């Protein structure tokens, strides 16, 4: 193979590899996302909880259905202020880390209205 043909082959390969879409990494923003909010409800039987959250780096405020291992669910109560890191690739979001900040005995009225009309799917 001549030097010119080798250079053309290398250029063609570079163009093909450069044009290929790159695969998404689990560590990119929008996959393991930190968010803050408060717990609206807990279903210990199914291992799920509903969190009314503030905005994240990829979306605005919303009410999210999340999954969590059954052990930590026993310590949680509706009204708790939390910060969580979740895997947001699928719904429901899977909670990876959870920090509890504050417990409020009565949920806010605007959250109850929002969670009553929210779809979680």
PDB file of N, CA and C in Angstrom:
ATOM      1  N   UNK A   1       0.849  -1.169   0.000  1.00  0.00           N
ATOM      2  CA  UNK A   1       0.000   0.000   0.000  1.00  0.00           C
ATOM      3  C   UNK A   1       0.897   1.235   0.000  1.00  0.00           C
ATOM      4  N   UNK A   2       0.577   2.170  -0.843  1.00  0.00           N
ATOM      5  CA  UNK A   2       1.390   3.381  -0.938  1.00  0.00           C
ATOM      6  C   UNK A   2       1.086   4.306   0.246  1.00  0.00           C
ATOM      7  N   UNK A   3       1.956   5.262   0.432  1.00  0.00           N
ATOM      8  CA  UNK A   3       1.784   6.217   1.525  1.00  0.00           C
ATOM      9  C   UNK A   3       0.513   7.030   1.334  1.00  0.00           C
ATOM     10  N   UNK A   4       0.218   7.358   0.088  1.00  0.00           N
ATOM     11  CA  UNK A   4      -0.990   8.149  -0.216  1.00  0.00           C
ATOM     12  C   UNK A   4      -2.250   7.339   0.099  1.00  0.00           C
ATOM     13  N   UNK A   5      -2.269   6.060  -0.272  1.00  0.00           N
ATOM     14  CA  UNK A   5      -3.428   5.211  -0.003  1.00  0.00           C
ATOM     15  C   UNK A   5      -3.592   5.011   1.506  1.00  0.00           C
ATOM     16  N   UNK A   6      -2.485   4.872   2.219  1.00  0.00           N
ATOM     17  CA  UNK A   6      -2.547   4.726   3.677  1.00  0.00           C
ATOM     18  C   UNK A   6      -3.105   5.967   4.337  1.00  0.00           C
ATOM     19  N   UNK A   7      -2.717   7.142   3.828  1.00  0.00           N
ATOM     20  CA  UNK A   7      -3.225   8.404   4.372  1.00  0.00           C
ATOM     21  C   UNK A   7      -4.716   8.541   4.113  1.00  0.00           C
ATOM     22  N   UNK A   8      -5.163   8.162   2.921  1.00  0.00           N
ATOM     23  CA  UNK A   8      -6.591   8.232   2.597  1.00  0.00           C
ATOM     24  C   UNK A   8      -7.402   7.259   3.455  1.00  0.00           C
ATOM     25  N   UNK A   9      -6.855   6.075   3.684  1.00  0.00           N
ATOM     26  CA  UNK A   9      -7.551   5.100   4.529  1.00  0.00           C
ATOM     27  C   UNK A   9      -7.663   5.613   5.969  1.00  0.00           C
ATOM     28  N   UNK A  10      -6.609   6.223   6.484  1.00  0.00           N
ATOM     29  CA  UNK A  10      -6.634   6.778   7.836  1.00  0.00           C
ATOM     30  C   UNK A  10      -7.628   7.925   7.931  1.00  0.00           C
ATOM     31  N   UNK A  11      -7.683   8.766   6.896  1.00  0.00           N
ATOM     32  CA  UNK A  11      -8.628   9.879   6.873  1.00  0.00           C
ATOM     33  C   UNK A  11     -10.064   9.370   6.833  1.00  0.00           C
ATOM     34  N   UNK A  12     -10.319   8.352   6.025  1.00  0.00           N
ATOM     35  CA  UNK A  12     -11.668   7.779   5.927  1.00  0.00           C
ATOM     36  C   UNK A  12     -12.090   7.175   7.263  1.00  0.00           C
ATOM     37  N   UNK A  13     -11.173   6.470   7.911  1.00  0.00           N
ATOM     38  CA  UNK A  13     -11.473   5.875   9.207  1.00  0.00           C
ATOM     39  C   UNK A  13     -11.774   6.946  10.255  1.00  0.00           C
ATOM     40  N   UNK A  14     -11.021   8.021  10.235  1.00  0.00           N
ATOM     41  CA  UNK A  14     -11.240   9.122  11.179  1.00  0.00           C
ATOM     42  C   UNK A  14     -12.600   9.764  10.955  1.00  0.00           C
ATOM     43  N   UNK A  15     -13.002   9.905   9.690  1.00  0.00           N
ATOM     44  CA  UNK A  15     -14.313  10.493   9.390  1.00  0.00           C
ATOM     45  C   UNK A  15     -15.441   9.592   9.870  1.00  0.00           C
ATOM     46  N   UNK A  16     -15.300   8.295   9.641  1.00  0.00           N
ATOM     47  CA  UNK A  16     -16.337   7.351  10.065  1.00  0.00           C
ATOM     48  C   UNK A  16     -16.455   7.319  11.585  1.00  0.00           C
ATOM     49  N   UNK A  17     -15.341   7.231  12.285  1.00  0.00           N
ATOM     50  CA  UNK A  17     -15.377   7.182  13.746  1.00  0.00           C
ATOM     51  C   UNK A  17     -15.842   8.509  14.343  1.00  0.00           C
ATOM     52  N   UNK A  18     -15.490   9.603  13.709  1.00  0.00           N
ATOM     53  CA  UNK A  18     -15.917  10.910  14.215  1.00  0.00           C
ATOM     54  C   UNK A  18     -17.394  11.166  14.009  1.00  0.00           C
ATOM     55  N   UNK A  19     -17.995  10.549  12.984  1.00  0.00           N
ATOM     56  CA  UNK A  19     -19.410  10.761  12.698  1.00  0.00           C
ATOM     57  C   UNK A  19     -20.314   9.820  13.482  1.00  0.00           C
ATOM     58  N   UNK A  20     -19.762   8.762  14.056  1.00  0.00           N
ATOM     59  CA  UNK A  20     -20.579   7.801  14.804  1.00  0.00           C
ATOM     60  C   UNK A  20     -21.061   8.439  16.098  1.00  0.00           C
ATOM     61  N   UNK A  21     -22.343   8.254  16.429  1.00  0.00           N
ATOM     62  CA  UNK A  21     -22.827   8.812  17.696  1.00  0.00           C
ATOM     63  C   UNK A  21     -22.189   8.087  18.863  1.00  0.00           C
ATOM     64  N   UNK A  22     -21.828   8.863  19.896  1.00  0.00           N
ATOM     65  CA  UNK A  22     -21.199   8.216  21.043  1.00  0.00           C
ATOM     66  C   UNK A  22     -22.280   7.689  21.975  1.00  0.00           C
ATOM     67  N   UNK A  23     -21.946   6.656  22.675  1.00  0.00           N
ATOM     68  CA  UNK A  23     -22.908   6.049  23.589  1.00  0.00           C
ATOM     69  C   UNK A  23     -22.984   6.875  24.867  1.00  0.00           C
ATOM     70  N   UNK A  24     -24.151   6.838  25.491  1.00  0.00           N
ATOM     71  CA  UNK A  24     -24.359   7.592  26.726  1.00  0.00           C
ATOM     72  C   UNK A  24     -23.669   6.888  27.884  1.00  0.00           C
ATOM     73  N   UNK A  25     -23.075   7.668  28.747  1.00  0.00           N
ATOM     74  CA  UNK A  25     -22.415   7.136  29.938  1.00  0.00           C
ATOM     75  C   UNK A  25     -23.321   7.344  31.142  1.00  0.00           C
ATOM     76  N   UNK A  26     -23.315   6.400  32.066  1.00  0.00           N
ATOM     77  CA  UNK A  26     -24.155   6.511  33.262  1.00  0.00           C
ATOM     78  C   UNK A  26     -23.707   7.641  34.178  1.00  0.00           C
ATOM     79  N   UNK A  27     -22.514   8.186  33.957  1.00  0.00           N
ATOM     80  CA  UNK A  27     -22.041   9.266  34.813  1.00  0.00           C
ATOM     81  C   UNK A  27     -22.306  10.639  34.214  1.00  0.00           C
ATOM     82  N   UNK A  28     -22.944  10.708  33.057  1.00  0.00           N
ATOM     83  CA  UNK A  28     -23.255  11.998  32.450  1.00  0.00           C
ATOM     84  C   UNK A  28     -24.419  12.657  33.181  1.00  0.00           C
ATOM     85  N   UNK A  29     -24.504  13.994  33.130  1.00  0.00           N
ATOM     86  CA  UNK A  29     -25.636  14.686  33.759  1.00  0.00           C
ATOM     87  C   UNK A  29     -26.956  14.157  33.208  1.00  0.00           C
ATOM     88  N   UNK A  30     -27.935  14.047  34.078  1.00  0.00           N
ATOM     89  CA  UNK A  30     -29.231  13.565  33.652  1.00  0.00           C
ATOM     90  C   UNK A  30     -29.425  12.091  33.924  1.00  0.00           C
ATOM     91  N   UNK A  31     -28.379  11.397  34.318  1.00  0.00           N
ATOM     92  CA  UNK A  31     -28.503   9.985  34.658  1.00  0.00           C
ATOM     93  C   UNK A  31     -28.438   9.776  36.164  1.00  0.00           C
ATOM     94  N   UNK A  32     -27.382  10.220  36.808  1.00  0.00           N
ATOM     95  CA  UNK A  32     -27.298  10.177  38.264  1.00  0.00           C
ATOM     96  C   UNK A  32     -27.461  11.612  38.753  1.00  0.00           C
ATOM     97  N   UNK A  33     -28.704  11.998  38.942  1.00  0.00           N
ATOM     98  CA  UNK A  33     -29.063  13.379  39.224  1.00  0.00           C
ATOM     99  C   UNK A  33     -29.371  13.588  40.701  1.00  0.00           C
ATOM    100  N   UNK A  34     -28.796  14.640  41.290  1.00  0.00           N
ATOM    101  CA  UNK A  34     -29.134  15.049  42.660  1.00  0.00           C
ATOM    102  C   UNK A  34     -30.322  15.996  42.598  1.00  0.00           C
ATOM    103  N   UNK A  35     -31.259  15.839  43.529  1.00  0.00           N
ATOM    104  CA  UNK A  35     -32.400  16.752  43.623  1.00  0.00           C
ATOM    105  C   UNK A  35     -32.855  16.829  45.070  1.00  0.00           C
ATOM    106  N   UNK A  36     -33.574  17.895  45.393  1.00  0.00           N
ATOM    107  CA  UNK A  36     -34.108  18.088  46.741  1.00  0.00           C
ATOM    108  C   UNK A  36     -35.618  18.199  46.653  1.00  0.00           C
ATOM    109  N   UNK A  37     -36.289  17.780  47.709  1.00  0.00           N
ATOM    110  CA  UNK A  37     -37.743  17.861  47.753  1.00  0.00           C
ATOM    111  C   UNK A  37     -38.267  17.321  49.058  1.00  0.00           C
ATOM    112  N   UNK A  38     -39.555  16.993  49.075  1.00  0.00           N
ATOM    113  CA  UNK A  38     -40.118  16.390  50.278  1.00  0.00           C
ATOM    114  C   UNK A  38     -40.989  15.196  49.893  1.00  0.00           C
ATOM    115  N   UNK A  39     -41.059  14.252  50.798  1.00  0.00           N
ATOM    116  CA  UNK A  39     -41.775  13.011  50.545  1.00  0.00           C
ATOM    117  C   UNK A  39     -43.271  13.256  50.679  1.00  0.00           C
ATOM    118  N   UNK A  40     -44.009  12.867  49.646  1.00  0.00           N
ATOM    119  CA  UNK A  40     -45.468  13.019  49.646  1.00  0.00           C
ATOM    120  C   UNK A  40     -46.124  11.751  50.181  1.00  0.00           C
ATOM    121  N   UNK A  41     -45.665  10.591  49.705  1.00  0.00           N
ATOM    122  CA  UNK A  41     -46.239   9.330  50.169  1.00  0.00           C
ATOM    123  C   UNK A  41     -45.223   8.202  50.033  1.00  0.00           C
ATOM    124  N   UNK A  42     -45.472   7.110  50.776  1.00  0.00           N
ATOM    125  CA  UNK A  42     -44.584   5.948  50.783  1.00  0.00           C
ATOM    126  C   UNK A  42     -45.436   4.693  50.656  1.00  0.00           C
ATOM    127  N   UNK A  43     -45.014   3.783  49.799  1.00  0.00           N
ATOM    128  CA  UNK A  43     -45.651   2.466  49.676  1.00  0.00           C
ATOM    129  C   UNK A  43     -44.579   1.422  49.998  1.00  0.00           C
ATOM    130  N   UNK A  44     -44.498   1.040  51.274  1.00  0.00           N
ATOM    131  CA  UNK A  44     -43.453   0.113  51.715  1.00  0.00           C
ATOM    132  C   UNK A  44     -43.609  -1.260  51.084  1.00  0.00           C
ATOM    133  N   UNK A  45     -44.827  -1.663  50.786  1.00  0.00           N
ATOM    134  CA  UNK A  45     -45.072  -2.973  50.194  1.00  0.00           C
ATOM    135  C   UNK A  45     -44.428  -3.083  48.808  1.00  0.00           C
ATOM    136  N   UNK A  46     -44.520  -2.008  48.016  1.00  0.00           N
ATOM    137  CA  UNK A  46     -43.953  -1.996  46.659  1.00  0.00           C
ATOM    138  C   UNK A  46     -42.534  -1.430  46.608  1.00  0.00           C
ATOM    139  N   UNK A  47     -42.071  -0.840  47.695  1.00  0.00           N
ATOM    140  CA  UNK A  47     -40.742  -0.248  47.716  1.00  0.00           C
ATOM    141  C   UNK A  47     -40.665   1.055  46.942  1.00  0.00           C
ATOM    142  N   UNK A  48     -41.751   1.826  46.955  1.00  0.00           N
ATOM    143  CA  UNK A  48     -41.787   3.092  46.208  1.00  0.00           C
ATOM    144  C   UNK A  48     -42.123   4.261  47.126  1.00  0.00           C
ATOM    145  N   UNK A  49     -41.731   5.434  46.700  1.00  0.00           N
ATOM    146  CA  UNK A  49     -42.120   6.661  47.375  1.00  0.00           C
ATOM    147  C   UNK A  49     -42.334   7.747  46.328  1.00  0.00           C
ATOM    148  N   UNK A  50     -43.173   8.712  46.661  1.00  0.00           N
ATOM    149  CA  UNK A  50     -43.447   9.845  45.789  1.00  0.00           C
ATOM    150  C   UNK A  50     -42.779  11.055  46.416  1.00  0.00           C
ATOM    151  N   UNK A  51     -41.943  11.738  45.616  1.00  0.00           N
ATOM    152  CA  UNK A  51     -41.220  12.914  46.096  1.00  0.00           C
ATOM    153  C   UNK A  51     -41.593  14.109  45.233  1.00  0.00           C
ATOM    154  N   UNK A  52     -42.036  15.184  45.881  1.00  0.00           N
ATOM    155  CA  UNK A  52     -42.244  16.459  45.194  1.00  0.00           C
ATOM    156  C   UNK A  52     -40.898  17.156  45.207  1.00  0.00           C
ATOM    157  N   UNK A  53     -40.311  17.343  44.030  1.00  0.00           N
ATOM    158  CA  UNK A  53     -38.941  17.840  43.950  1.00  0.00           C
ATOM    159  C   UNK A  53     -38.876  19.200  43.285  1.00  0.00           C
ATOM    160  N   UNK A  54     -37.757  19.869  43.552  1.00  0.00           N
ATOM    161  CA  UNK A  54     -37.462  21.119  42.878  1.00  0.00           C
ATOM    162  C   UNK A  54     -36.825  20.836  41.524  1.00  0.00           C
ATOM    163  N   UNK A  55     -36.384  21.886  40.831  1.00  0.00           N
ATOM    164  CA  UNK A  55     -35.782  21.690  39.514  1.00  0.00           C
ATOM    165  C   UNK A  55     -34.449  20.950  39.593  1.00  0.00           C
ATOM    166  N   UNK A  56     -34.136  20.179  38.545  1.00  0.00           N
ATOM    167  CA  UNK A  56     -32.844  19.518  38.413  1.00  0.00           C
ATOM    168  C   UNK A  56     -32.100  20.177  37.269  1.00  0.00           C
ATOM    169  N   UNK A  57     -30.912  19.680  36.944  1.00  0.00           N
ATOM    170  CA  UNK A  57     -30.145  20.284  35.852  1.00  0.00           C
ATOM    171  C   UNK A  57     -30.750  19.992  34.487  1.00  0.00           C
ATOM    172  N   UNK A  58     -31.686  19.033  34.406  1.00  0.00           N
ATOM    173  CA  UNK A  58     -32.272  18.687  33.115  1.00  0.00           C
ATOM    174  C   UNK A  58     -33.771  18.938  33.016  1.00  0.00           C
ATOM    175  N   UNK A  59     -34.444  19.277  34.124  1.00  0.00           N
ATOM    176  CA  UNK A  59     -35.891  19.513  34.054  1.00  0.00           C
ATOM    177  C   UNK A  59     -36.352  20.398  35.204  1.00  0.00           C
ATOM    178  N   UNK A  60     -37.576  20.881  35.096  1.00  0.00           N
ATOM    179  CA  UNK A  60     -38.144  21.748  36.114  1.00  0.00           C
ATOM    180  C   UNK A  60     -38.719  20.961  37.279  1.00  0.00           C
ATOM    181  N   UNK A  61     -39.391  21.658  38.212  1.00  0.00           N
ATOM    182  CA  UNK A  61     -39.968  20.992  39.375  1.00  0.00           C
ATOM    183  C   UNK A  61     -41.048  19.989  38.949  1.00  0.00           C
ATOM    184  N   UNK A  62     -41.194  18.913  39.723  1.00  0.00           N
ATOM    185  CA  UNK A  62     -42.179  17.882  39.398  1.00  0.00           C
ATOM    186  C   UNK A  62     -42.412  16.989  40.603  1.00  0.00           C
ATOM    187  N   UNK A  63     -43.345  16.079  40.459  1.00  0.00           N
ATOM    188  CA  UNK A  63     -43.610  15.053  41.452  1.00  0.00           C
ATOM    189  C   UNK A  63     -43.176  13.732  40.823  1.00  0.00           C
ATOM    190  N   UNK A  64     -42.244  13.027  41.489  1.00  0.00           N
ATOM    191  CA  UNK A  64     -41.648  11.817  40.910  1.00  0.00           C
ATOM    192  C   UNK A  64     -41.969  10.578  41.733  1.00  0.00           C
ATOM    193  N   UNK A  65     -42.268   9.478  41.034  1.00  0.00           N
ATOM    194  CA  UNK A  65     -42.368   8.172  41.657  1.00  0.00           C
ATOM    195  C   UNK A  65     -40.973   7.570  41.645  1.00  0.00           C
ATOM    196  N   UNK A  66     -40.481   7.115  42.810  1.00  0.00           N
ATOM    197  CA  UNK A  66     -39.120   6.600  42.940  1.00  0.00           C
ATOM    198  C   UNK A  66     -39.135   5.241  43.635  1.00  0.00           C
ATOM    199  N   UNK A  67     -38.109   4.442  43.377  1.00  0.00           N
ATOM    200  CA  UNK A  67     -37.955   3.164  44.081  1.00  0.00           C
ATOM    201  C   UNK A  67     -36.773   3.264  45.034  1.00  0.00           C
ATOM    202  N   UNK A  68     -36.852   2.502  46.114  1.00  0.00           N
ATOM    203  CA  UNK A  68     -35.802   2.491  47.124  1.00  0.00           C
ATOM    204  C   UNK A  68     -35.826   1.134  47.802  1.00  0.00           C
ATOM    205  N   UNK A  69     -34.653   0.652  48.236  1.00  0.00           N
ATOM    206  CA  UNK A  69     -34.601  -0.622  48.948  1.00  0.00           C
ATOM    207  C   UNK A  69     -35.517  -0.561  50.165  1.00  0.00           C
ATOM    208  N   UNK A  70     -36.083  -1.683  50.529  1.00  0.00           N
ATOM    209  CA  UNK A  70     -37.070  -1.725  51.617  1.00  0.00           C
ATOM    210  C   UNK A  70     -36.519  -1.297  52.973  1.00  0.00           C
ATOM    211  N   UNK A  71     -35.247  -1.556  53.269  1.00  0.00           N
ATOM    212  CA  UNK A  71     -34.674  -1.198  54.568  1.00  0.00           C
ATOM    213  C   UNK A  71     -34.827   0.274  54.914  1.00  0.00           C
ATOM    214  N   UNK A  72     -34.317   1.193  54.066  1.00  0.00           N
ATOM    215  CA  UNK A  72     -34.445   2.622  54.380  1.00  0.00           C
ATOM    216  C   UNK A  72     -35.890   3.128  54.393  1.00  0.00           C
ATOM    217  N   UNK A  73     -36.796   2.459  53.705  1.00  0.00           N
ATOM    218  CA  UNK A  73     -38.190   2.916  53.677  1.00  0.00           C
ATOM    219  C   UNK A  73     -38.819   2.916  55.066  1.00  0.00           C
ATOM    220  N   UNK A  74     -38.359   2.050  55.958  1.00  0.00           N
ATOM    221  CA  UNK A  74     -38.925   1.963  57.300  1.00  0.00           C
ATOM    222  C   UNK A  74     -38.679   3.221  58.110  1.00  0.00           C
ATOM    223  N   UNK A  75     -37.609   3.955  57.790  1.00  0.00           N
ATOM    224  CA  UNK A  75     -37.267   5.179  58.536  1.00  0.00           C
ATOM    225  C   UNK A  75     -37.931   6.427  57.962  1.00  0.00           C
ATOM    226  N   UNK A  76     -38.539   6.324  56.806  1.00  0.00           N
ATOM    227  CA  UNK A  76     -39.080   7.504  56.126  1.00  0.00           C
ATOM    228  C   UNK A  76     -40.542   7.732  56.476  1.00  0.00           C
ATOM    229  N   UNK A  77     -40.941   9.010  56.469  1.00  0.00           N
ATOM    230  CA  UNK A  77     -42.321   9.414  56.714  1.00  0.00           C
ATOM    231  C   UNK A  77     -42.697  10.504  55.717  1.00  0.00           C
ATOM    232  N   UNK A  78     -43.971  10.574  55.390  1.00  0.00           N
ATOM    233  CA  UNK A  78     -44.456  11.653  54.523  1.00  0.00           C
ATOM    234  C   UNK A  78     -44.181  12.985  55.195  1.00  0.00           C
ATOM    235  N   UNK A  79     -43.729  13.954  54.415  1.00  0.00           N
ATOM    236  CA  UNK A  79     -43.426  15.282  54.937  1.00  0.00           C
ATOM    237  C   UNK A  79     -41.956  15.528  55.178  1.00  0.00           C
ATOM    238  N   UNK A  80     -41.128  14.495  55.128  1.00  0.00           N
ATOM    239  CA  UNK A  80     -39.689  14.674  55.353  1.00  0.00           C
ATOM    240  C   UNK A  80     -39.054  15.428  54.187  1.00  0.00           C
ATOM    241  N   UNK A  81     -38.199  16.392  54.530  1.00  0.00           N
ATOM    242  CA  UNK A  81     -37.404  17.100  53.534  1.00  0.00           C
ATOM    243  C   UNK A  81     -36.183  16.242  53.237  1.00  0.00           C
ATOM    244  N   UNK A  82     -35.933  15.957  51.962  1.00  0.00           N
ATOM    245  CA  UNK A  82     -34.833  15.066  51.602  1.00  0.00           C
ATOM    246  C   UNK A  82     -34.032  15.631  50.438  1.00  0.00           C
ATOM    247  N   UNK A  83     -32.820  15.114  50.324  1.00  0.00           N
ATOM    248  CA  UNK A  83     -31.999  15.315  49.144  1.00  0.00           C
ATOM    249  C   UNK A  83     -31.638  13.918  48.667  1.00  0.00           C
ATOM    250  N   UNK A  84     -31.743  13.685  47.363  1.00  0.00           N
ATOM    251  CA  UNK A  84     -31.509  12.337  46.854  1.00  0.00           C
ATOM    252  C   UNK A  84     -30.714  12.379  45.564  1.00  0.00           C
ATOM    253  N   UNK A  85     -29.990  11.294  45.326  1.00  0.00           N
ATOM    254  CA  UNK A  85     -29.361  11.075  44.031  1.00  0.00           C
ATOM    255  C   UNK A  85     -30.094   9.898  43.418  1.00  0.00           C
ATOM    256  N   UNK A  86     -30.566  10.080  42.174  1.00  0.00           N
ATOM    257  CA  UNK A  86     -31.365   9.039  41.533  1.00  0.00           C
ATOM    258  C   UNK A  86     -30.833   8.712  40.148  1.00  0.00           C
ATOM    259  N   UNK A  87     -31.025   7.464  39.760  1.00  0.00           N
ATOM    260  CA  UNK A  87     -30.761   7.023  38.397  1.00  0.00           C
ATOM    261  C   UNK A  87     -32.026   7.351  37.606  1.00  0.00           C
ATOM    262  N   UNK A  88     -31.939   8.333  36.718  1.00  0.00           N
ATOM    263  CA  UNK A  88     -33.117   8.851  36.027  1.00  0.00           C
ATOM    264  C   UNK A  88     -33.286   8.292  34.618  1.00  0.00           C
ATOM    265  N   UNK A  89     -32.584   7.216  34.296  1.00  0.00           N
ATOM    266  CA  UNK A  89     -32.700   6.650  32.950  1.00  0.00           C
ATOM    267  C   UNK A  89     -34.065   6.041  32.689  1.00  0.00           C
ATOM    268  N   UNK A  90     -34.746   5.569  33.722  1.00  0.00           N
ATOM    269  CA  UNK A  90     -36.065   4.939  33.565  1.00  0.00           C
ATOM    270  C   UNK A  90     -37.012   5.482  34.629  1.00  0.00           C
ATOM    271  N   UNK A  91     -38.301   5.284  34.395  1.00  0.00           N
ATOM    272  CA  UNK A  91     -39.306   5.601  35.417  1.00  0.00           C
ATOM    273  C   UNK A  91     -39.838   4.306  35.976  1.00  0.00           C
ATOM    274  N   UNK A  92     -40.053   4.160  37.247  1.00  0.00           N
ATOM    275  CA  UNK A  92     -39.748   5.158  38.269  1.00  0.00           C
ATOM    276  C   UNK A  92     -38.245   5.301  38.483  1.00  0.00           C
ATOM    277  N   UNK A  93     -37.868   6.511  38.957  1.00  0.00           N
ATOM    278  CA  UNK A  93     -36.458   6.756  39.239  1.00  0.00           C
ATOM    279  C   UNK A  93     -36.007   5.836  40.370  1.00  0.00           C
ATOM    280  N   UNK A  94     -34.759   5.352  40.297  1.00  0.00           N
ATOM    281  CA  UNK A  94     -34.189   4.498  41.354  1.00  0.00           C
ATOM    282  C   UNK A  94     -33.298   5.361  42.235  1.00  0.00           C
ATOM    283  N   UNK A  95     -33.634   5.462  43.527  1.00  0.00           N
ATOM    284  CA  UNK A  95     -32.858   6.256  44.476  1.00  0.00           C
ATOM    285  C   UNK A  95     -31.542   5.527  44.777  1.00  0.00           C
ATOM    286  N   UNK A  96     -30.421   6.226  44.579  1.00  0.00           N
ATOM    287  CA  UNK A  96     -29.100   5.671  44.858  1.00  0.00           C
ATOM    288  C   UNK A  96     -28.602   6.095  46.237  1.00  0.00           C
ATOM    289  N   UNK A  97     -28.835   7.360  46.591  1.00  0.00           N
ATOM    290  CA  UNK A  97     -28.437   7.911  47.893  1.00  0.00           C
ATOM    291  C   UNK A  97     -29.557   8.820  48.380  1.00  0.00           C
ATOM    292  N   UNK A  98     -29.773   8.836  49.699  1.00  0.00           N
ATOM    293  CA  UNK A  98     -30.853   9.643  50.269  1.00  0.00           C
ATOM    294  C   UNK A  98     -30.379  10.275  51.568  1.00  0.00           C
ATOM    295  N   UNK A  99     -30.576  11.582  51.692  1.00  0.00           N
ATOM    296  CA  UNK A  99     -30.255  12.311  52.925  1.00  0.00           C
ATOM    297  C   UNK A  99     -31.549  12.935  53.451  1.00  0.00           C
ATOM    298  N   UNK A 100     -31.802  12.763  54.729  1.00  0.00           N
ATOM    299  CA  UNK A 100     -32.990  13.348  55.355  1.00  0.00           C
ATOM    300  C   UNK A 100     -32.569  14.628  56.058  1.00  0.00           C
ATOM    301  N   UNK A 101     -33.275  15.730  55.772  1.00  0.00           N
ATOM    302  CA  UNK A 101     -32.935  17.016  56.376  1.00  0.00           C
ATOM    303  C   UNK A 101     -33.907  17.437  57.460  1.00  0.00           C
ATOM    304  N   UNK A 102     -35.200  17.290  57.220  1.00  0.00           N
ATOM    305  CA  UNK A 102     -36.175  17.857  58.133  1.00  0.00           C
ATOM    306  C   UNK A 102     -37.468  17.061  58.032  1.00  0.00           C
ATOM    307  N   UNK A 103     -38.184  16.967  59.123  1.00  0.00           N
ATOM    308  CA  UNK A 103     -39.472  16.288  59.132  1.00  0.00           C
ATOM    309  C   UNK A 103     -40.556  17.304  59.436  1.00  0.00           C
ATOM    310  N   UNK A 104     -41.527  17.438  58.535  1.00  0.00           N
ATOM    311  CA  UNK A 104     -42.674  18.312  58.761  1.00  0.00           C
ATOM    312  C   UNK A 104     -43.904  17.436  58.932  1.00  0.00           C
ATOM    313  N   UNK A 105     -44.658  17.691  59.985  1.00  0.00           N
ATOM    314  CA  UNK A 105     -45.804  16.828  60.293  1.00  0.00           C
ATOM    315  C   UNK A 105     -46.925  16.942  59.271  1.00  0.00           C
ATOM    316  N   UNK A 106     -47.154  18.104  58.701  1.00  0.00           N
ATOM    317  CA  UNK A 106     -48.239  18.257  57.743  1.00  0.00           C
ATOM    318  C   UNK A 106     -47.678  18.626  56.371  1.00  0.00           C
ATOM    319  N   UNK A 107     -48.016  17.861  55.338  1.00  0.00           N
ATOM    320  CA  UNK A 107     -47.562  18.205  53.989  1.00  0.00           C
ATOM    321  C   UNK A 107     -48.183  19.514  53.532  1.00  0.00           C
ATOM    322  N   UNK A 108     -47.476  20.212  52.656  1.00  0.00           N
ATOM    323  CA  UNK A 108     -47.983  21.472  52.133  1.00  0.00           C
ATOM    324  C   UNK A 108     -49.202  21.218  51.248  1.00  0.00           C
ATOM    325  N   UNK A 109     -50.165  22.119  51.287  1.00  0.00           N
ATOM    326  CA  UNK A 109     -51.414  21.963  50.528  1.00  0.00           C
ATOM    327  C   UNK A 109     -51.156  21.931  49.023  1.00  0.00           C
ATOM    328  N   UNK A 110     -50.206  22.744  48.519  1.00  0.00           N
ATOM    329  CA  UNK A 110     -49.949  22.760  47.088  1.00  0.00           C
ATOM    330  C   UNK A 110     -49.350  21.433  46.604  1.00  0.00           C
ATOM    331  N   UNK A 111     -48.612  20.749  47.450  1.00  0.00           N
ATOM    332  CA  UNK A 111     -48.051  19.450  47.095  1.00  0.00           C
ATOM    333  C   UNK A 111     -49.139  18.394  47.024  1.00  0.00           C
ATOM    334  N   UNK A 112     -50.064  18.415  47.979  1.00  0.00           N
ATOM    335  CA  UNK A 112     -51.154  17.444  47.958  1.00  0.00           C
ATOM    336  C   UNK A 112     -51.983  17.596  46.697  1.00  0.00           C
ATOM    337  N   UNK A 113     -52.245  18.834  46.281  1.00  0.00           N
ATOM    338  CA  UNK A 113     -53.008  19.064  45.062  1.00  0.00           C
ATOM    339  C   UNK A 113     -52.229  18.606  43.840  1.00  0.00           C
ATOM    340  N   UNK A 114     -50.939  18.864  43.822  1.00  0.00           N
ATOM    341  CA  UNK A 114     -50.104  18.461  42.673  1.00  0.00           C
ATOM    342  C   UNK A 114     -49.987  16.957  42.590  1.00  0.00           C
ATOM    343  N   UNK A 115     -49.831  16.278  43.727  1.00  0.00           N
ATOM    344  CA  UNK A 115     -49.660  14.820  43.679  1.00  0.00           C
ATOM    345  C   UNK A 115     -50.973  14.113  43.332  1.00  0.00           C
ATOM    346  N   UNK A 116     -52.099  14.727  43.645  1.00  0.00           N
ATOM    347  CA  UNK A 116     -53.391  14.108  43.325  1.00  0.00           C
ATOM    348  C   UNK A 116     -53.618  14.071  41.817  1.00  0.00           C
ATOM    349  N   UNK A 117     -53.090  15.053  41.101  1.00  0.00           N
ATOM    350  CA  UNK A 117     -53.300  15.112  39.653  1.00  0.00           C
ATOM    351  C   UNK A 117     -52.110  14.660  38.836  1.00  0.00           C
ATOM    352  N   UNK A 118     -51.029  14.228  39.488  1.00  0.00           N
ATOM    353  CA  UNK A 118     -49.802  13.859  38.758  1.00  0.00           C
ATOM    354  C   UNK A 118     -49.902  12.451  38.225  1.00  0.00           C
ATOM    355  N   UNK A 119     -49.306  12.251  37.044  1.00  0.00           N
ATOM    356  CA  UNK A 119     -49.186  10.890  36.519  1.00  0.00           C
ATOM    357  C   UNK A 119     -47.744  10.478  36.689  1.00  0.00           C
ATOM    358  N   UNK A 120     -47.521   9.245  37.043  1.00  0.00           N
ATOM    359  CA  UNK A 120     -46.179   8.765  37.365  1.00  0.00           C
ATOM    360  C   UNK A 120     -45.694   7.769  36.343  1.00  0.00           C
ATOM    361  N   UNK A 121     -45.918   7.955  35.088  1.00  0.00           N
ATOM    362  CA  UNK A 121     -45.517   6.916  34.193  1.00  0.00           C
ATOM    363  C   UNK A 121     -44.821   7.360  33.009  1.00  0.00           C
TER     364      UNK A 121
END
